[in-house]
Amino acid sequence: MPAAVTVNVLGASIMSTGRPLGRRPAVEGAQVHLYGKHPAPAASCGHVTAVGDDLDQAREVARRPKRALMGRRSW
């Protein structure tokens, strides 16, 4: 059954990379929304909304750009 999910991008995960937020990663089926504010440890800096054929696929699609924002290359 088709599904959609949203995952938060928290400031602590972005701050751990030591890099400012760059451009939004492009992943088919996912939309990255960055709020344009300075990352703070407990604050949300944005979110990723994704769709998939089922819940597990939608979750994985949402995690791909989030990992990229966190400086991980495991797409």
PDB file of N, CA and C in Angstrom:
ATOM      1  N   MET A   1       0.843  -1.167   0.000  1.00  0.00           N
ATOM      2  CA  MET A   1       0.000   0.000   0.000  1.00  0.00           C
ATOM      3  C   MET A   1       0.897   1.241   0.000  1.00  0.00           C
ATOM      4  N   PRO A   2       0.659   2.208  -0.881  1.00  0.00           N
ATOM      5  CA  PRO A   2       1.474   3.430  -0.915  1.00  0.00           C
ATOM      6  C   PRO A   2       1.490   4.127   0.444  1.00  0.00           C
ATOM      7  N   ALA A   3       2.632   4.740   0.762  1.00  0.00           N
ATOM      8  CA  ALA A   3       2.787   5.393   2.060  1.00  0.00           C
ATOM      9  C   ALA A   3       3.607   6.663   1.913  1.00  0.00           C
ATOM     10  N   ALA A   4       3.455   7.559   2.878  1.00  0.00           N
ATOM     11  CA  ALA A   4       4.246   8.789   2.969  1.00  0.00           C
ATOM     12  C   ALA A   4       4.737   8.931   4.405  1.00  0.00           C
ATOM     13  N   VAL A   5       5.949   9.434   4.568  1.00  0.00           N
ATOM     14  CA  VAL A   5       6.515   9.667   5.893  1.00  0.00           C
ATOM     15  C   VAL A   5       7.228  11.011   5.922  1.00  0.00           C
ATOM     16  N   THR A   6       7.412  11.532   7.125  1.00  0.00           N
ATOM     17  CA  THR A   6       8.196  12.743   7.347  1.00  0.00           C
ATOM     18  C   THR A   6       9.196  12.450   8.458  1.00  0.00           C
ATOM     19  N   VAL A   7      10.463  12.798   8.234  1.00  0.00           N
ATOM     20  CA  VAL A   7      11.483  12.673   9.279  1.00  0.00           C
ATOM     21  C   VAL A   7      12.082  14.051   9.520  1.00  0.00           C
ATOM     22  N   ASN A   8      12.346  14.353  10.782  1.00  0.00           N
ATOM     23  CA  ASN A   8      12.937  15.636  11.146  1.00  0.00           C
ATOM     24  C   ASN A   8      14.442  15.623  10.926  1.00  0.00           C
ATOM     25  N   VAL A   9      14.978  16.781  10.611  1.00  0.00           N
ATOM     26  CA  VAL A   9      16.420  16.995  10.539  1.00  0.00           C
ATOM     27  C   VAL A   9      16.758  17.872  11.737  1.00  0.00           C
ATOM     28  N   LEU A  10      17.396  17.282  12.739  1.00  0.00           N
ATOM     29  CA  LEU A  10      17.689  18.005  13.979  1.00  0.00           C
ATOM     30  C   LEU A  10      19.041  18.693  13.918  1.00  0.00           C
ATOM     31  N   GLY A  11      19.126  19.812  14.609  1.00  0.00           N
ATOM     32  CA  GLY A  11      20.351  20.605  14.621  1.00  0.00           C
ATOM     33  C   GLY A  11      21.551  19.838  15.122  1.00  0.00           C
ATOM     34  N   ALA A  12      21.376  18.985  16.121  1.00  0.00           N
ATOM     35  CA  ALA A  12      22.511  18.241  16.672  1.00  0.00           C
ATOM     36  C   ALA A  12      23.159  17.365  15.611  1.00  0.00           C
ATOM     37  N   SER A  13      22.361  16.757  14.742  1.00  0.00           N
ATOM     38  CA  SER A  13      22.929  15.895  13.711  1.00  0.00           C
ATOM     39  C   SER A  13      23.680  16.715  12.665  1.00  0.00           C
ATOM     40  N   ILE A  14      23.208  17.902  12.364  1.00  0.00           N
ATOM     41  CA  ILE A  14      23.875  18.769  11.401  1.00  0.00           C
ATOM     42  C   ILE A  14      25.135  19.367  12.013  1.00  0.00           C
ATOM     43  N   MET A  15      25.050  19.775  13.273  1.00  0.00           N
ATOM     44  CA  MET A  15      26.196  20.397  13.943  1.00  0.00           C
ATOM     45  C   MET A  15      27.352  19.417  14.065  1.00  0.00           C
ATOM     46  N   SER A  16      27.063  18.114  14.169  1.00  0.00           N
ATOM     47  CA  SER A  16      28.119  17.121  14.344  1.00  0.00           C
ATOM     48  C   SER A  16      29.001  17.002  13.108  1.00  0.00           C
ATOM     49  N   THR A  17      28.535  17.472  11.950  1.00  0.00           N
ATOM     50  CA  THR A  17      29.343  17.389  10.734  1.00  0.00           C
ATOM     51  C   THR A  17      30.392  18.483  10.685  1.00  0.00           C
ATOM     52  N   GLY A  18      30.182  19.573  11.424  1.00  0.00           N
ATOM     53  CA  GLY A  18      31.100  20.695  11.400  1.00  0.00           C
ATOM     54  C   GLY A  18      30.985  21.532  10.135  1.00  0.00           C
ATOM     55  N   ARG A  19      29.968  21.256   9.327  1.00  0.00           N
ATOM     56  CA  ARG A  19      29.769  21.992   8.076  1.00  0.00           C
ATOM     57  C   ARG A  19      28.412  22.687   8.122  1.00  0.00           C
ATOM     58  N   PRO A  20      28.305  23.833   7.478  1.00  0.00           N
ATOM     59  CA  PRO A  20      26.989  24.476   7.385  1.00  0.00           C
ATOM     60  C   PRO A  20      26.095  23.683   6.435  1.00  0.00           C
ATOM     61  N   LEU A  21      24.799  23.893   6.553  1.00  0.00           N
ATOM     62  CA  LEU A  21      23.875  23.248   5.630  1.00  0.00           C
ATOM     63  C   LEU A  21      24.156  23.737   4.222  1.00  0.00           C
ATOM     64  N   GLY A  22      24.307  22.823   3.325  1.00  0.00           N
ATOM     65  CA  GLY A  22      24.566  23.177   1.940  1.00  0.00           C
ATOM     66  C   GLY A  22      23.292  23.081   1.125  1.00  0.00           C
ATOM     67  N   ARG A  23      23.474  22.723  -0.137  1.00  0.00           N
ATOM     68  CA  ARG A  23      22.299  22.592  -0.984  1.00  0.00           C
ATOM     69  C   ARG A  23      21.521  21.343  -0.592  1.00  0.00           C
ATOM     70  N   ARG A  24      20.286  21.338  -0.977  1.00  0.00           N
ATOM     71  CA  ARG A  24      19.412  20.216  -0.655  1.00  0.00           C
ATOM     72  C   ARG A  24      19.743  19.025  -1.542  1.00  0.00           C
ATOM     73  N   PRO A  25      19.940  17.855  -0.949  1.00  0.00           N
ATOM     74  CA  PRO A  25      20.190  16.670  -1.766  1.00  0.00           C
ATOM     75  C   PRO A  25      18.936  16.303  -2.567  1.00  0.00           C
ATOM     76  N   ALA A  26      19.130  15.871  -3.796  1.00  0.00           N
ATOM     77  CA  ALA A  26      18.009  15.469  -4.647  1.00  0.00           C
ATOM     78  C   ALA A  26      17.874  13.952  -4.611  1.00  0.00           C
ATOM     79  N   VAL A  27      16.749  13.479  -4.134  1.00  0.00           N
ATOM     80  CA  VAL A  27      16.448  12.050  -4.089  1.00  0.00           C
ATOM     81  C   VAL A  27      15.044  11.871  -4.632  1.00  0.00           C
ATOM     82  N   GLU A  28      14.910  11.013  -5.637  1.00  0.00           N
ATOM     83  CA  GLU A  28      13.588  10.778  -6.219  1.00  0.00           C
ATOM     84  C   GLU A  28      12.629  10.258  -5.149  1.00  0.00           C
ATOM     85  N   GLY A  29      11.462  10.862  -5.067  1.00  0.00           N
ATOM     86  CA  GLY A  29      10.451  10.470  -4.099  1.00  0.00           C
ATOM     87  C   GLY A  29      10.541  11.211  -2.781  1.00  0.00           C
ATOM     88  N   ALA A  30      11.534  12.100  -2.643  1.00  0.00           N
ATOM     89  CA  ALA A  30      11.714  12.828  -1.381  1.00  0.00           C
ATOM     90  C   ALA A  30      11.767  14.325  -1.642  1.00  0.00           C
ATOM     91  N   GLN A  31      11.255  15.084  -0.692  1.00  0.00           N
ATOM     92  CA  GLN A  31      11.309  16.544  -0.743  1.00  0.00           C
ATOM     93  C   GLN A  31      11.948  17.032   0.546  1.00  0.00           C
ATOM     94  N   VAL A  32      13.039  17.790   0.413  1.00  0.00           N
ATOM     95  CA  VAL A  32      13.758  18.315   1.567  1.00  0.00           C
ATOM     96  C   VAL A  32      13.275  19.730   1.842  1.00  0.00           C
ATOM     97  N   HIS A  33      12.914  19.998   3.076  1.00  0.00           N
ATOM     98  CA  HIS A  33      12.463  21.327   3.505  1.00  0.00           C
ATOM     99  C   HIS A  33      13.407  21.806   4.607  1.00  0.00           C
ATOM    100  N   LEU A  34      14.235  22.804   4.296  1.00  0.00           N
ATOM    101  CA  LEU A  34      15.122  23.388   5.297  1.00  0.00           C
ATOM    102  C   LEU A  34      14.536  24.727   5.719  1.00  0.00           C
ATOM    103  N   TYR A  35      14.595  25.007   7.018  1.00  0.00           N
ATOM    104  CA  TYR A  35      13.918  26.180   7.559  1.00  0.00           C
ATOM    105  C   TYR A  35      14.751  27.454   7.487  1.00  0.00           C
ATOM    106  N   GLY A  36      16.023  27.356   7.109  1.00  0.00           N
ATOM    107  CA  GLY A  36      16.851  28.547   6.971  1.00  0.00           C
ATOM    108  C   GLY A  36      17.298  29.155   8.282  1.00  0.00           C
ATOM    109  N   LYS A  37      17.284  28.371   9.346  1.00  0.00           N
ATOM    110  CA  LYS A  37      17.738  28.919  10.622  1.00  0.00           C
ATOM    111  C   LYS A  37      19.019  28.215  11.053  1.00  0.00           C
ATOM    112  N   HIS A  38      19.757  28.874  11.932  1.00  0.00           N
ATOM    113  CA  HIS A  38      21.019  28.336  12.430  1.00  0.00           C
ATOM    114  C   HIS A  38      20.743  27.073  13.245  1.00  0.00           C
ATOM    115  N   PRO A  39      21.485  25.990  12.991  1.00  0.00           N
ATOM    116  CA  PRO A  39      21.248  24.757  13.738  1.00  0.00           C
ATOM    117  C   PRO A  39      21.514  24.926  15.231  1.00  0.00           C
ATOM    118  N   ALA A  40      20.591  24.489  16.041  1.00  0.00           N
ATOM    119  CA  ALA A  40      20.744  24.435  17.492  1.00  0.00           C
ATOM    120  C   ALA A  40      20.571  22.978  17.907  1.00  0.00           C
ATOM    121  N   PRO A  41      21.259  22.541  18.967  1.00  0.00           N
ATOM    122  CA  PRO A  41      21.277  21.118  19.309  1.00  0.00           C
ATOM    123  C   PRO A  41      19.908  20.439  19.388  1.00  0.00           C
ATOM    124  N   ALA A  42      18.940  21.043  20.023  1.00  0.00           N
ATOM    125  CA  ALA A  42      17.650  20.373  20.214  1.00  0.00           C
ATOM    126  C   ALA A  42      16.565  20.859  19.258  1.00  0.00           C
ATOM    127  N   ALA A  43      16.936  21.692  18.303  1.00  0.00           N
ATOM    128  CA  ALA A  43      15.939  22.286  17.419  1.00  0.00           C
ATOM    129  C   ALA A  43      15.900  21.583  16.068  1.00  0.00           C
ATOM    130  N   SER A  44      14.727  21.600  15.465  1.00  0.00           N
ATOM    131  CA  SER A  44      14.562  21.057  14.131  1.00  0.00           C
ATOM    132  C   SER A  44      15.028  22.094  13.108  1.00  0.00           C
ATOM    133  N   CYS A  45      15.903  21.688  12.196  1.00  0.00           N
ATOM    134  CA  CYS A  45      16.412  22.570  11.136  1.00  0.00           C
ATOM    135  C   CYS A  45      15.631  22.371   9.853  1.00  0.00           C
ATOM    136  N   GLY A  46      14.814  21.338   9.812  1.00  0.00           N
ATOM    137  CA  GLY A  46      14.051  21.035   8.615  1.00  0.00           C
ATOM    138  C   GLY A  46      13.429  19.665   8.719  1.00  0.00           C
ATOM    139  N   HIS A  47      12.888  19.211   7.614  1.00  0.00           N
ATOM    140  CA  HIS A  47      12.333  17.866   7.561  1.00  0.00           C
ATOM    141  C   HIS A  47      12.376  17.347   6.130  1.00  0.00           C
ATOM    142  N   VAL A  48      12.230  16.046   6.016  1.00  0.00           N
ATOM    143  CA  VAL A  48      12.181  15.380   4.723  1.00  0.00           C
ATOM    144  C   VAL A  48      10.857  14.639   4.637  1.00  0.00           C
ATOM    145  N   THR A  49      10.121  14.872   3.574  1.00  0.00           N
ATOM    146  CA  THR A  49       8.883  14.152   3.308  1.00  0.00           C
ATOM    147  C   THR A  49       9.136  13.234   2.125  1.00  0.00           C
ATOM    148  N   ALA A  50       8.724  11.972   2.251  1.00  0.00           N
ATOM    149  CA  ALA A  50       8.992  11.001   1.188  1.00  0.00           C
ATOM    150  C   ALA A  50       7.803  10.083   0.981  1.00  0.00           C
ATOM    151  N   VAL A  51       7.721   9.552  -0.222  1.00  0.00           N
ATOM    152  CA  VAL A  51       6.675   8.593  -0.566  1.00  0.00           C
ATOM    153  C   VAL A  51       7.335   7.312  -1.077  1.00  0.00           C
ATOM    154  N   GLY A  52       6.597   6.218  -0.943  1.00  0.00           N
ATOM    155  CA  GLY A  52       7.086   4.936  -1.430  1.00  0.00           C
ATOM    156  C   GLY A  52       5.940   3.981  -1.659  1.00  0.00           C
ATOM    157  N   ASP A  53       6.265   2.832  -2.177  1.00  0.00           N
ATOM    158  CA  ASP A  53       5.245   1.819  -2.448  1.00  0.00           C
ATOM    159  C   ASP A  53       4.669   1.228  -1.174  1.00  0.00           C
ATOM    160  N   ASP A  54       5.440   1.281  -0.084  1.00  0.00           N
ATOM    161  CA  ASP A  54       4.976   0.830   1.221  1.00  0.00           C
ATOM    162  C   ASP A  54       5.715   1.637   2.290  1.00  0.00           C
ATOM    163  N   LEU A  55       5.378   1.406   3.550  1.00  0.00           N
ATOM    164  CA  LEU A  55       5.947   2.197   4.641  1.00  0.00           C
ATOM    165  C   LEU A  55       7.459   2.034   4.741  1.00  0.00           C
ATOM    166  N   ASP A  56       7.953   0.821   4.615  1.00  0.00           N
ATOM    167  CA  ASP A  56       9.404   0.605   4.713  1.00  0.00           C
ATOM    168  C   ASP A  56      10.155   1.342   3.617  1.00  0.00           C
ATOM    169  N   GLN A  57       9.648   1.292   2.393  1.00  0.00           N
ATOM    170  CA  GLN A  57      10.305   1.988   1.292  1.00  0.00           C
ATOM    171  C   GLN A  57      10.259   3.498   1.495  1.00  0.00           C
ATOM    172  N   ALA A  58       9.128   4.021   1.937  1.00  0.00           N
ATOM    173  CA  ALA A  58       9.015   5.464   2.181  1.00  0.00           C
ATOM    174  C   ALA A  58      10.001   5.908   3.251  1.00  0.00           C
ATOM    175  N   ARG A  59      10.171   5.112   4.295  1.00  0.00           N
ATOM    176  CA  ARG A  59      11.147   5.445   5.344  1.00  0.00           C
ATOM    177  C   ARG A  59      12.563   5.485   4.790  1.00  0.00           C
ATOM    178  N   GLU A  60      12.905   4.497   3.980  1.00  0.00           N
ATOM    179  CA  GLU A  60      14.253   4.456   3.408  1.00  0.00           C
ATOM    180  C   GLU A  60      14.486   5.634   2.465  1.00  0.00           C
ATOM    181  N   VAL A  61      13.503   5.979   1.655  1.00  0.00           N
ATOM    182  CA  VAL A  61      13.639   7.124   0.752  1.00  0.00           C
ATOM    183  C   VAL A  61      13.848   8.399   1.565  1.00  0.00           C
ATOM    184  N   ALA A  62      13.143   8.560   2.678  1.00  0.00           N
ATOM    185  CA  ALA A  62      13.276   9.754   3.522  1.00  0.00           C
ATOM    186  C   ALA A  62      14.638   9.819   4.195  1.00  0.00           C
ATOM    187  N   ARG A  63      15.205   8.677   4.509  1.00  0.00           N
ATOM    188  CA  ARG A  63      16.501   8.666   5.209  1.00  0.00           C
ATOM    189  C   ARG A  63      17.665   9.034   4.294  1.00  0.00           C
ATOM    190  N   ARG A  64      17.534   8.804   2.994  1.00  0.00           N
ATOM    191  CA  ARG A  64      18.653   9.081   2.077  1.00  0.00           C
ATOM    192  C   ARG A  64      19.089  10.540   2.092  1.00  0.00           C
ATOM    193  N   PRO A  65      18.206  11.501   1.858  1.00  0.00           N
ATOM    194  CA  PRO A  65      18.675  12.896   1.906  1.00  0.00           C
ATOM    195  C   PRO A  65      19.056  13.323   3.322  1.00  0.00           C
ATOM    196  N   LYS A  66      18.411  12.745   4.331  1.00  0.00           N
ATOM    197  CA  LYS A  66      18.782  13.088   5.704  1.00  0.00           C
ATOM    198  C   LYS A  66      20.222  12.661   5.980  1.00  0.00           C
ATOM    199  N   ARG A  67      20.599  11.469   5.533  1.00  0.00           N
ATOM    200  CA  ARG A  67      21.987  11.017   5.711  1.00  0.00           C
ATOM    201  C   ARG A  67      22.950  11.940   4.963  1.00  0.00           C
ATOM    202  N   ALA A  68      22.562  12.377   3.782  1.00  0.00           N
ATOM    203  CA  ALA A  68      23.427  13.284   3.005  1.00  0.00           C
ATOM    204  C   ALA A  68      23.614  14.606   3.743  1.00  0.00           C
ATOM    205  N   LEU A  69      22.551  15.126   4.329  1.00  0.00           N
ATOM    206  CA  LEU A  69      22.657  16.385   5.089  1.00  0.00           C
ATOM    207  C   LEU A  69      23.559  16.215   6.301  1.00  0.00           C
ATOM    208  N   MET A  70      23.603  14.994   6.844  1.00  0.00           N
ATOM    209  CA  MET A  70      24.421  14.717   8.009  1.00  0.00           C
ATOM    210  C   MET A  70      25.863  14.389   7.640  1.00  0.00           C
ATOM    211  N   GLY A  71      26.175  14.445   6.333  1.00  0.00           N
ATOM    212  CA  GLY A  71      27.539  14.211   5.899  1.00  0.00           C
ATOM    213  C   GLY A  71      27.877  12.770   5.629  1.00  0.00           C
ATOM    214  N   ARG A  72      26.871  11.906   5.620  1.00  0.00           N
ATOM    215  CA  ARG A  72      27.101  10.499   5.312  1.00  0.00           C
ATOM    216  C   ARG A  72      26.843  10.266   3.844  1.00  0.00           C
ATOM    217  N   ARG A  73      27.597   9.395   3.253  1.00  0.00           N
ATOM    218  CA  ARG A  73      27.484   9.156   1.817  1.00  0.00           C
ATOM    219  C   ARG A  73      26.711   7.876   1.498  1.00  0.00           C
ATOM    220  N   SER A  74      26.147   7.224   2.474  1.00  0.00           N
ATOM    221  CA  SER A  74      25.449   5.966   2.221  1.00  0.00           C
ATOM    222  C   SER A  74      24.047   6.216   1.709  1.00  0.00           C
ATOM    223  N   TRP A  75      23.963   6.473   0.411  1.00  0.00           N
ATOM    224  CA  TRP A  75      22.666   6.712  -0.214  1.00  0.00           C
ATOM    225  C   TRP A  75      22.051   5.387  -0.511  1.00  0.00           C
TER     226      TRP A  75
END
